[in-house]
Amino acid sequence: MKSPLPLFLAANYRMEDSVGYLLSRARAMLAKSLDTALIDSGVTHAQGGVLLLLASGNYMTAADLVREVYTDAASMTRMLNRLQKRGLVERVANTDDRRQMRLQLTAEGALLAARMPPIMAAVLSEQFSGFSAEEVGFLKSLLRKLTQCNTPACAGSATQKPVGMATPPATAATLTKKIA
């Protein structure tokens, strides 16, 4: 089977049009807006995200968080140390494995985590105010595909449906008609 043509070519590469660059710029813009909105809470967007991940109950250790947010262990340890010092997170011995410490929110950390979703939703609503609900859904489906299907074999599969999607996303043609 012949491999498909590459989507990106070095001959016409421009940093300003790079998907990676644009994703990075968008992330930085959202991070700055979230940091501003969270200033009264005394946490950064990254710290708030860790609090929300711990509140979900799906992440119990620093290693779990490192894998989820794609950061290094030393950076995560420093962040957890700051959150622990502020009384938002505590480390508890794992009864099943004494070498491992489990993380849990303190009562204050749980209260702060509960305040995060409305703040984050308000920032996202403001930042995406020029988008339709369909466009946001399509963007989310593309980002899910990128983050969940990070292999050439999977990425080439047109039938791969992102996890959590009840219906397939709108096509680019549909979005173009709606925008025009």
N, C-alpha and C. Protein backbone atom coordinates (compact mmCIF):
# COMPACT_ATOMS: atom_id res chain seq x y z
N MET A 1 0.84 -1.18 0.00
CA MET A 1 0.00 0.00 0.00
C MET A 1 0.89 1.24 0.00
N LYS A 2 0.60 2.18 -0.85
CA LYS A 2 1.37 3.40 -0.97
C LYS A 2 1.03 4.33 0.20
N SER A 3 2.06 4.94 0.77
CA SER A 3 1.81 5.85 1.89
C SER A 3 1.24 7.17 1.36
N PRO A 4 0.38 7.83 2.16
CA PRO A 4 -0.21 9.10 1.71
C PRO A 4 0.85 10.19 1.64
N LEU A 5 0.56 11.20 0.87
CA LEU A 5 1.47 12.34 0.76
C LEU A 5 1.55 13.05 2.11
N PRO A 6 2.70 13.61 2.44
CA PRO A 6 2.81 14.31 3.72
C PRO A 6 1.96 15.57 3.73
N LEU A 7 1.39 15.88 4.87
CA LEU A 7 0.58 17.08 5.01
C LEU A 7 1.43 18.34 5.13
N PHE A 8 2.64 18.19 5.64
CA PHE A 8 3.51 19.33 5.89
C PHE A 8 4.83 19.15 5.15
N LEU A 9 5.24 20.18 4.44
CA LEU A 9 6.47 20.13 3.66
C LEU A 9 7.44 21.20 4.14
N ALA A 10 8.71 20.85 4.21
CA ALA A 10 9.73 21.80 4.64
C ALA A 10 9.86 22.96 3.66
N ALA A 11 9.63 22.70 2.39
CA ALA A 11 9.82 23.72 1.36
C ALA A 11 8.91 24.93 1.57
N ASN A 12 7.70 24.71 2.10
CA ASN A 12 6.79 25.85 2.28
C ASN A 12 6.44 26.07 3.75
N TYR A 13 7.31 25.61 4.65
CA TYR A 13 7.07 25.77 6.08
C TYR A 13 7.27 27.22 6.50
N ARG A 14 6.28 27.75 7.20
CA ARG A 14 6.37 29.09 7.79
C ARG A 14 5.96 28.96 9.24
N MET A 15 6.79 29.42 10.13
CA MET A 15 6.52 29.29 11.56
C MET A 15 5.13 29.82 11.92
N GLU A 16 4.76 30.98 11.40
CA GLU A 16 3.49 31.61 11.75
C GLU A 16 2.28 30.78 11.34
N ASP A 17 2.45 29.89 10.38
CA ASP A 17 1.36 29.03 9.91
C ASP A 17 1.46 27.61 10.43
N SER A 18 2.46 27.34 11.24
CA SER A 18 2.67 26.00 11.77
C SER A 18 1.55 25.64 12.75
N VAL A 19 1.02 24.43 12.63
CA VAL A 19 -0.03 23.96 13.53
C VAL A 19 0.47 23.99 14.97
N GLY A 20 1.70 23.54 15.17
CA GLY A 20 2.27 23.54 16.52
C GLY A 20 2.38 24.94 17.10
N TYR A 21 2.83 25.87 16.28
CA TYR A 21 2.95 27.26 16.72
C TYR A 21 1.58 27.84 17.07
N LEU A 22 0.60 27.60 16.22
CA LEU A 22 -0.74 28.13 16.47
C LEU A 22 -1.36 27.51 17.72
N LEU A 23 -1.15 26.21 17.92
CA LEU A 23 -1.64 25.57 19.14
C LEU A 23 -0.96 26.16 20.37
N SER A 24 0.34 26.38 20.27
CA SER A 24 1.09 26.95 21.38
C SER A 24 0.62 28.37 21.69
N ARG A 25 0.40 29.17 20.67
CA ARG A 25 -0.09 30.54 20.87
C ARG A 25 -1.47 30.54 21.51
N ALA A 26 -2.35 29.67 21.02
CA ALA A 26 -3.70 29.59 21.58
C ALA A 26 -3.65 29.17 23.05
N ARG A 27 -2.81 28.18 23.35
CA ARG A 27 -2.66 27.71 24.73
C ARG A 27 -2.13 28.83 25.62
N ALA A 28 -1.13 29.56 25.14
CA ALA A 28 -0.56 30.66 25.93
C ALA A 28 -1.59 31.75 26.18
N MET A 29 -2.40 32.06 25.19
CA MET A 29 -3.45 33.06 25.33
C MET A 29 -4.46 32.64 26.39
N LEU A 30 -4.90 31.38 26.32
CA LEU A 30 -5.85 30.87 27.31
C LEU A 30 -5.23 30.83 28.70
N ALA A 31 -3.97 30.41 28.79
CA ALA A 31 -3.29 30.34 30.09
C ALA A 31 -3.20 31.72 30.73
N LYS A 32 -2.85 32.72 29.95
CA LYS A 32 -2.74 34.09 30.47
C LYS A 32 -4.10 34.59 30.97
N SER A 33 -5.14 34.34 30.20
CA SER A 33 -6.48 34.76 30.61
C SER A 33 -6.93 34.04 31.87
N LEU A 34 -6.64 32.74 31.95
CA LEU A 34 -6.99 31.98 33.15
C LEU A 34 -6.20 32.46 34.36
N ASP A 35 -4.91 32.72 34.18
CA ASP A 35 -4.10 33.23 35.29
C ASP A 35 -4.68 34.54 35.83
N THR A 36 -5.10 35.41 34.93
CA THR A 36 -5.69 36.68 35.35
C THR A 36 -6.99 36.45 36.12
N ALA A 37 -7.83 35.56 35.62
CA ALA A 37 -9.11 35.27 36.26
C ALA A 37 -8.94 34.58 37.62
N LEU A 38 -7.85 33.84 37.78
CA LEU A 38 -7.63 33.08 39.01
C LEU A 38 -6.79 33.83 40.05
N ILE A 39 -6.40 35.06 39.75
CA ILE A 39 -5.48 35.78 40.63
C ILE A 39 -6.03 35.88 42.06
N ASP A 40 -7.32 36.11 42.21
CA ASP A 40 -7.91 36.22 43.56
C ASP A 40 -7.94 34.88 44.28
N SER A 41 -7.87 33.80 43.54
CA SER A 41 -7.85 32.47 44.15
C SER A 41 -6.47 32.09 44.65
N GLY A 42 -5.46 32.81 44.18
CA GLY A 42 -4.10 32.55 44.63
C GLY A 42 -3.43 31.36 43.98
N VAL A 43 -3.98 30.89 42.86
CA VAL A 43 -3.37 29.78 42.13
C VAL A 43 -3.23 30.16 40.66
N THR A 44 -2.31 29.50 39.99
CA THR A 44 -2.14 29.67 38.56
C THR A 44 -3.08 28.72 37.83
N HIS A 45 -3.20 28.89 36.51
CA HIS A 45 -4.03 27.97 35.74
C HIS A 45 -3.51 26.54 35.86
N ALA A 46 -2.20 26.37 35.89
CA ALA A 46 -1.61 25.03 35.99
C ALA A 46 -1.93 24.40 37.35
N GLN A 47 -1.83 25.18 38.42
CA GLN A 47 -2.16 24.67 39.74
C GLN A 47 -3.66 24.37 39.85
N GLY A 48 -4.47 25.25 39.28
CA GLY A 48 -5.92 25.00 39.27
C GLY A 48 -6.27 23.73 38.52
N GLY A 49 -5.57 23.50 37.41
CA GLY A 49 -5.79 22.28 36.65
C GLY A 49 -5.44 21.04 37.45
N VAL A 50 -4.34 21.09 38.20
CA VAL A 50 -3.95 19.95 39.04
C VAL A 50 -5.00 19.72 40.13
N LEU A 51 -5.50 20.80 40.72
CA LEU A 51 -6.56 20.64 41.73
C LEU A 51 -7.79 19.97 41.13
N LEU A 52 -8.16 20.37 39.91
CA LEU A 52 -9.32 19.75 39.26
C LEU A 52 -9.07 18.29 38.92
N LEU A 53 -7.86 17.97 38.48
CA LEU A 53 -7.54 16.58 38.18
C LEU A 53 -7.61 15.73 39.44
N LEU A 54 -7.08 16.24 40.54
CA LEU A 54 -7.17 15.49 41.80
C LEU A 54 -8.61 15.37 42.27
N ALA A 55 -9.39 16.42 42.09
CA ALA A 55 -10.80 16.39 42.49
C ALA A 55 -11.60 15.36 41.69
N SER A 56 -11.17 15.07 40.48
CA SER A 56 -11.89 14.11 39.64
C SER A 56 -11.81 12.69 40.20
N GLY A 57 -10.80 12.42 41.01
CA GLY A 57 -10.62 11.09 41.57
C GLY A 57 -9.92 10.11 40.63
N ASN A 58 -9.56 10.56 39.45
CA ASN A 58 -8.91 9.69 38.47
C ASN A 58 -7.38 9.71 38.55
N TYR A 59 -6.83 10.61 39.35
CA TYR A 59 -5.39 10.77 39.45
C TYR A 59 -5.03 10.76 40.93
N MET A 60 -4.21 9.80 41.32
CA MET A 60 -3.92 9.61 42.74
C MET A 60 -2.47 9.88 43.11
N THR A 61 -1.58 9.90 42.14
CA THR A 61 -0.16 10.05 42.44
C THR A 61 0.45 11.14 41.57
N ALA A 62 1.63 11.58 41.98
CA ALA A 62 2.36 12.55 41.16
C ALA A 62 2.65 11.98 39.78
N ALA A 63 2.96 10.69 39.72
CA ALA A 63 3.25 10.06 38.42
C ALA A 63 2.02 10.10 37.52
N ASP A 64 0.83 9.90 38.09
CA ASP A 64 -0.41 10.00 37.30
C ASP A 64 -0.53 11.39 36.69
N LEU A 65 -0.27 12.40 37.49
CA LEU A 65 -0.38 13.78 37.03
C LEU A 65 0.67 14.11 35.97
N VAL A 66 1.88 13.63 36.17
CA VAL A 66 2.97 13.84 35.21
C VAL A 66 2.57 13.30 33.84
N ARG A 67 2.02 12.08 33.82
CA ARG A 67 1.61 11.47 32.54
C ARG A 67 0.46 12.25 31.91
N GLU A 68 -0.46 12.74 32.70
CA GLU A 68 -1.63 13.43 32.15
C GLU A 68 -1.29 14.80 31.58
N VAL A 69 -0.44 15.56 32.26
CA VAL A 69 -0.17 16.92 31.82
C VAL A 69 1.13 17.07 31.05
N TYR A 70 1.81 15.95 30.78
CA TYR A 70 3.03 15.96 29.98
C TYR A 70 4.07 16.94 30.53
N THR A 71 4.38 16.80 31.79
CA THR A 71 5.42 17.61 32.40
C THR A 71 6.45 16.68 33.02
N ASP A 72 7.53 17.24 33.49
CA ASP A 72 8.55 16.39 34.11
C ASP A 72 8.26 16.24 35.60
N ALA A 73 8.79 15.18 36.17
CA ALA A 73 8.52 14.85 37.57
C ALA A 73 9.00 15.96 38.51
N ALA A 74 10.14 16.56 38.23
CA ALA A 74 10.67 17.61 39.11
C ALA A 74 9.74 18.81 39.16
N SER A 75 9.22 19.23 38.00
CA SER A 75 8.29 20.36 37.96
C SER A 75 7.01 20.04 38.72
N MET A 76 6.50 18.83 38.54
CA MET A 76 5.28 18.44 39.25
C MET A 76 5.53 18.40 40.76
N THR A 77 6.67 17.89 41.16
CA THR A 77 7.00 17.84 42.59
C THR A 77 7.03 19.24 43.18
N ARG A 78 7.65 20.19 42.47
CA ARG A 78 7.70 21.58 42.96
C ARG A 78 6.30 22.15 43.08
N MET A 79 5.44 21.89 42.08
CA MET A 79 4.07 22.41 42.13
C MET A 79 3.31 21.80 43.31
N LEU A 80 3.44 20.49 43.47
CA LEU A 80 2.75 19.82 44.57
C LEU A 80 3.27 20.31 45.92
N ASN A 81 4.56 20.58 46.02
CA ASN A 81 5.12 21.14 47.25
C ASN A 81 4.48 22.49 47.58
N ARG A 82 4.32 23.34 46.54
CA ARG A 82 3.69 24.65 46.76
C ARG A 82 2.23 24.49 47.18
N LEU A 83 1.52 23.57 46.52
CA LEU A 83 0.11 23.34 46.87
C LEU A 83 -0.02 22.76 48.28
N GLN A 84 0.92 21.90 48.65
CA GLN A 84 0.90 21.32 49.99
C GLN A 84 1.21 22.41 51.03
N LYS A 85 2.18 23.25 50.75
CA LYS A 85 2.54 24.33 51.66
C LYS A 85 1.36 25.28 51.90
N ARG A 86 0.54 25.48 50.86
CA ARG A 86 -0.65 26.34 50.97
C ARG A 86 -1.82 25.63 51.65
N GLY A 87 -1.65 24.33 51.93
CA GLY A 87 -2.71 23.59 52.60
C GLY A 87 -3.82 23.14 51.68
N LEU A 88 -3.52 22.99 50.38
CA LEU A 88 -4.54 22.59 49.40
C LEU A 88 -4.45 21.11 49.05
N VAL A 89 -3.26 20.53 49.20
CA VAL A 89 -3.03 19.13 48.85
C VAL A 89 -2.25 18.50 49.99
N GLU A 90 -2.51 17.21 50.21
CA GLU A 90 -1.69 16.48 51.18
C GLU A 90 -1.26 15.16 50.57
N ARG A 91 -0.11 14.71 51.04
CA ARG A 91 0.44 13.43 50.62
C ARG A 91 0.14 12.42 51.73
N VAL A 92 -0.39 11.28 51.33
CA VAL A 92 -0.78 10.25 52.28
C VAL A 92 -0.11 8.95 51.86
N ALA A 93 0.43 8.22 52.82
CA ALA A 93 1.08 6.95 52.51
C ALA A 93 0.09 6.00 51.85
N ASN A 94 0.57 5.31 50.82
CA ASN A 94 -0.23 4.31 50.12
C ASN A 94 -0.14 3.01 50.92
N THR A 95 -1.27 2.54 51.39
CA THR A 95 -1.26 1.32 52.21
C THR A 95 -0.90 0.09 51.40
N ASP A 96 -1.10 0.13 50.09
CA ASP A 96 -0.78 -1.01 49.23
C ASP A 96 0.69 -1.04 48.81
N ASP A 97 1.33 0.13 48.78
CA ASP A 97 2.72 0.22 48.34
C ASP A 97 3.40 1.33 49.14
N ARG A 98 4.19 0.97 50.11
CA ARG A 98 4.80 1.95 51.01
C ARG A 98 5.77 2.88 50.30
N ARG A 99 6.24 2.50 49.11
CA ARG A 99 7.15 3.36 48.37
C ARG A 99 6.44 4.54 47.72
N GLN A 100 5.14 4.47 47.67
CA GLN A 100 4.37 5.45 46.92
C GLN A 100 3.50 6.30 47.85
N MET A 101 3.40 7.59 47.51
CA MET A 101 2.52 8.50 48.26
C MET A 101 1.31 8.82 47.39
N ARG A 102 0.15 8.74 47.97
CA ARG A 102 -1.08 9.14 47.27
C ARG A 102 -1.32 10.62 47.57
N LEU A 103 -1.95 11.28 46.63
CA LEU A 103 -2.28 12.69 46.77
C LEU A 103 -3.77 12.83 47.01
N GLN A 104 -4.12 13.78 47.86
CA GLN A 104 -5.53 14.08 48.03
C GLN A 104 -5.69 15.55 48.38
N LEU A 105 -6.84 16.06 48.03
CA LEU A 105 -7.12 17.46 48.34
C LEU A 105 -7.48 17.58 49.81
N THR A 106 -7.06 18.68 50.41
CA THR A 106 -7.53 19.00 51.75
C THR A 106 -8.94 19.56 51.61
N ALA A 107 -9.59 19.85 52.71
CA ALA A 107 -10.93 20.46 52.65
C ALA A 107 -10.86 21.79 51.92
N GLU A 108 -9.82 22.58 52.21
CA GLU A 108 -9.66 23.86 51.53
C GLU A 108 -9.38 23.67 50.04
N GLY A 109 -8.57 22.66 49.70
CA GLY A 109 -8.28 22.36 48.30
C GLY A 109 -9.53 21.93 47.55
N ALA A 110 -10.37 21.14 48.20
CA ALA A 110 -11.62 20.69 47.57
C ALA A 110 -12.56 21.87 47.33
N LEU A 111 -12.62 22.80 48.28
CA LEU A 111 -13.46 23.99 48.10
C LEU A 111 -12.96 24.84 46.94
N LEU A 112 -11.64 25.01 46.86
CA LEU A 112 -11.07 25.79 45.76
C LEU A 112 -11.29 25.09 44.42
N ALA A 113 -11.12 23.78 44.39
CA ALA A 113 -11.36 23.03 43.14
C ALA A 113 -12.81 23.18 42.70
N ALA A 114 -13.74 23.23 43.64
CA ALA A 114 -15.16 23.39 43.30
C ALA A 114 -15.44 24.77 42.72
N ARG A 115 -14.62 25.77 43.05
CA ARG A 115 -14.80 27.12 42.51
C ARG A 115 -14.18 27.28 41.13
N MET A 116 -13.36 26.34 40.70
CA MET A 116 -12.65 26.47 39.42
C MET A 116 -13.54 26.40 38.18
N PRO A 117 -14.45 25.42 38.07
CA PRO A 117 -15.21 25.30 36.81
C PRO A 117 -15.94 26.57 36.37
N PRO A 118 -16.63 27.31 37.26
CA PRO A 118 -17.28 28.53 36.77
C PRO A 118 -16.29 29.58 36.28
N ILE A 119 -15.14 29.67 36.93
CA ILE A 119 -14.12 30.64 36.51
C ILE A 119 -13.57 30.24 35.14
N MET A 120 -13.24 28.97 35.01
CA MET A 120 -12.67 28.49 33.75
C MET A 120 -13.69 28.57 32.61
N ALA A 121 -14.94 28.25 32.91
CA ALA A 121 -16.00 28.33 31.88
C ALA A 121 -16.19 29.77 31.42
N ALA A 122 -16.12 30.73 32.34
CA ALA A 122 -16.29 32.14 31.97
C ALA A 122 -15.15 32.59 31.05
N VAL A 123 -13.93 32.18 31.36
CA VAL A 123 -12.78 32.55 30.51
C VAL A 123 -12.92 31.92 29.12
N LEU A 124 -13.27 30.65 29.08
CA LEU A 124 -13.44 29.98 27.79
C LEU A 124 -14.57 30.62 26.98
N SER A 125 -15.66 30.96 27.65
CA SER A 125 -16.79 31.60 26.96
C SER A 125 -16.36 32.93 26.35
N GLU A 126 -15.56 33.68 27.10
CA GLU A 126 -15.08 34.96 26.58
C GLU A 126 -14.12 34.75 25.41
N GLN A 127 -13.18 33.83 25.55
CA GLN A 127 -12.18 33.61 24.52
C GLN A 127 -12.79 33.03 23.24
N PHE A 128 -13.87 32.26 23.37
CA PHE A 128 -14.49 31.63 22.21
C PHE A 128 -15.80 32.32 21.81
N SER A 129 -15.97 33.56 22.22
CA SER A 129 -17.23 34.26 21.94
C SER A 129 -17.49 34.44 20.44
N GLY A 130 -16.47 34.41 19.63
CA GLY A 130 -16.64 34.55 18.18
C GLY A 130 -16.87 33.23 17.47
N PHE A 131 -17.01 32.15 18.22
CA PHE A 131 -17.20 30.82 17.65
C PHE A 131 -18.63 30.34 17.89
N SER A 132 -19.14 29.55 16.97
CA SER A 132 -20.44 28.90 17.20
C SER A 132 -20.21 27.64 18.03
N ALA A 133 -21.29 27.12 18.61
CA ALA A 133 -21.20 25.87 19.37
C ALA A 133 -20.70 24.74 18.47
N GLU A 134 -21.11 24.74 17.22
CA GLU A 134 -20.68 23.71 16.28
C GLU A 134 -19.17 23.81 16.02
N GLU A 135 -18.67 25.03 15.87
CA GLU A 135 -17.23 25.21 15.65
C GLU A 135 -16.42 24.75 16.86
N VAL A 136 -16.88 25.08 18.05
CA VAL A 136 -16.18 24.64 19.27
C VAL A 136 -16.21 23.11 19.35
N GLY A 137 -17.35 22.50 19.04
CA GLY A 137 -17.44 21.04 19.04
C GLY A 137 -16.50 20.41 18.03
N PHE A 138 -16.40 21.01 16.85
CA PHE A 138 -15.51 20.49 15.81
C PHE A 138 -14.05 20.62 16.25
N LEU A 139 -13.69 21.78 16.82
CA LEU A 139 -12.34 21.99 17.32
C LEU A 139 -12.01 20.95 18.39
N LYS A 140 -12.92 20.74 19.32
CA LYS A 140 -12.69 19.75 20.38
C LYS A 140 -12.52 18.35 19.80
N SER A 141 -13.30 18.01 18.79
CA SER A 141 -13.18 16.68 18.20
C SER A 141 -11.82 16.52 17.51
N LEU A 142 -11.35 17.57 16.84
CA LEU A 142 -10.03 17.50 16.21
C LEU A 142 -8.92 17.40 17.25
N LEU A 143 -9.04 18.15 18.33
CA LEU A 143 -8.03 18.08 19.39
C LEU A 143 -8.05 16.72 20.08
N ARG A 144 -9.23 16.16 20.29
CA ARG A 144 -9.31 14.80 20.85
C ARG A 144 -8.62 13.80 19.93
N LYS A 145 -8.87 13.93 18.64
CA LYS A 145 -8.25 13.02 17.69
C LYS A 145 -6.73 13.16 17.75
N LEU A 146 -6.25 14.38 17.82
CA LEU A 146 -4.81 14.61 17.89
C LEU A 146 -4.21 14.01 19.17
N THR A 147 -4.88 14.20 20.30
CA THR A 147 -4.31 13.75 21.57
C THR A 147 -4.54 12.27 21.85
N GLN A 148 -5.59 11.68 21.29
CA GLN A 148 -5.90 10.29 21.57
C GLN A 148 -5.43 9.34 20.49
N CYS A 149 -5.10 9.87 19.36
CA CYS A 149 -4.75 9.03 18.22
C CYS A 149 -3.41 9.50 17.68
N ASN A 150 -2.39 9.31 18.46
CA ASN A 150 -1.09 9.87 18.12
C ASN A 150 -0.16 8.85 17.45
N THR A 151 -0.72 8.04 16.54
CA THR A 151 0.10 7.11 15.77
C THR A 151 -0.28 7.26 14.31
N PRO A 152 0.66 7.05 13.40
CA PRO A 152 0.34 7.18 11.98
C PRO A 152 -0.80 6.26 11.54
N ALA A 153 -0.84 5.04 12.04
CA ALA A 153 -1.89 4.11 11.64
C ALA A 153 -3.26 4.61 12.08
N CYS A 154 -3.35 5.09 13.29
CA CYS A 154 -4.62 5.58 13.83
C CYS A 154 -5.02 6.88 13.15
N ALA A 155 -4.06 7.79 12.99
CA ALA A 155 -4.36 9.09 12.39
C ALA A 155 -4.88 8.96 10.97
N GLY A 156 -4.47 7.93 10.26
CA GLY A 156 -4.92 7.73 8.89
C GLY A 156 -6.28 7.09 8.79
N SER A 157 -6.82 6.66 9.90
CA SER A 157 -8.11 5.99 9.90
C SER A 157 -9.24 7.00 9.95
N ALA A 158 -10.00 7.08 8.88
CA ALA A 158 -11.12 8.02 8.81
C ALA A 158 -12.28 7.57 9.68
N THR A 159 -12.30 6.31 10.07
CA THR A 159 -13.41 5.81 10.86
C THR A 159 -13.17 5.94 12.36
N GLN A 160 -11.99 6.36 12.77
CA GLN A 160 -11.69 6.51 14.18
C GLN A 160 -12.55 7.61 14.77
N LYS A 161 -13.35 7.29 15.78
CA LYS A 161 -14.21 8.27 16.41
C LYS A 161 -13.60 8.66 17.75
N PRO A 162 -13.42 9.96 18.03
CA PRO A 162 -12.86 10.38 19.31
C PRO A 162 -13.72 9.88 20.46
N VAL A 163 -13.07 9.51 21.56
CA VAL A 163 -13.76 9.04 22.74
C VAL A 163 -14.66 10.13 23.27
N GLY A 164 -15.85 9.76 23.68
CA GLY A 164 -16.78 10.73 24.24
C GLY A 164 -17.65 11.44 23.22
N MET A 165 -17.47 11.14 21.95
CA MET A 165 -18.27 11.79 20.91
C MET A 165 -19.50 10.95 20.63
N ALA A 166 -20.67 11.49 20.88
CA ALA A 166 -21.91 10.77 20.61
C ALA A 166 -22.20 10.74 19.12
N THR A 167 -21.91 11.84 18.44
CA THR A 167 -22.13 11.91 17.00
C THR A 167 -20.87 12.41 16.34
N PRO A 168 -20.66 12.05 15.08
CA PRO A 168 -19.45 12.52 14.40
C PRO A 168 -19.46 14.04 14.29
N PRO A 169 -18.28 14.66 14.28
CA PRO A 169 -18.22 16.12 14.16
C PRO A 169 -18.68 16.58 12.78
N ALA A 170 -19.04 17.86 12.72
CA ALA A 170 -19.43 18.44 11.45
C ALA A 170 -18.24 18.41 10.50
N THR A 171 -18.53 18.36 9.24
CA THR A 171 -17.44 18.36 8.26
C THR A 171 -16.98 19.79 8.02
N ALA A 172 -15.82 19.95 7.46
CA ALA A 172 -15.30 21.27 7.13
C ALA A 172 -16.23 21.97 6.15
N ALA A 173 -16.81 21.22 5.23
CA ALA A 173 -17.74 21.81 4.25
C ALA A 173 -18.96 22.39 4.95
N THR A 174 -19.48 21.69 5.95
CA THR A 174 -20.63 22.18 6.69
C THR A 174 -20.27 23.47 7.41
N LEU A 175 -19.10 23.49 8.06
CA LEU A 175 -18.66 24.69 8.78
C LEU A 175 -18.45 25.85 7.83
N THR A 176 -17.89 25.59 6.65
CA THR A 176 -17.65 26.66 5.68
C THR A 176 -18.97 27.28 5.25
N LYS A 177 -19.99 26.46 5.04
CA LYS A 177 -21.31 26.97 4.66
C LYS A 177 -21.89 27.84 5.76
N LYS A 178 -21.73 27.41 7.03
CA LYS A 178 -22.28 28.16 8.14
C LYS A 178 -21.56 29.48 8.37
N ILE A 179 -20.24 29.50 8.13
CA ILE A 179 -19.47 30.72 8.34
C ILE A 179 -19.75 31.72 7.24
N ALA A 180 -19.90 31.24 6.01
CA ALA A 180 -20.08 32.14 4.85
C ALA A 180 -21.40 32.87 4.86
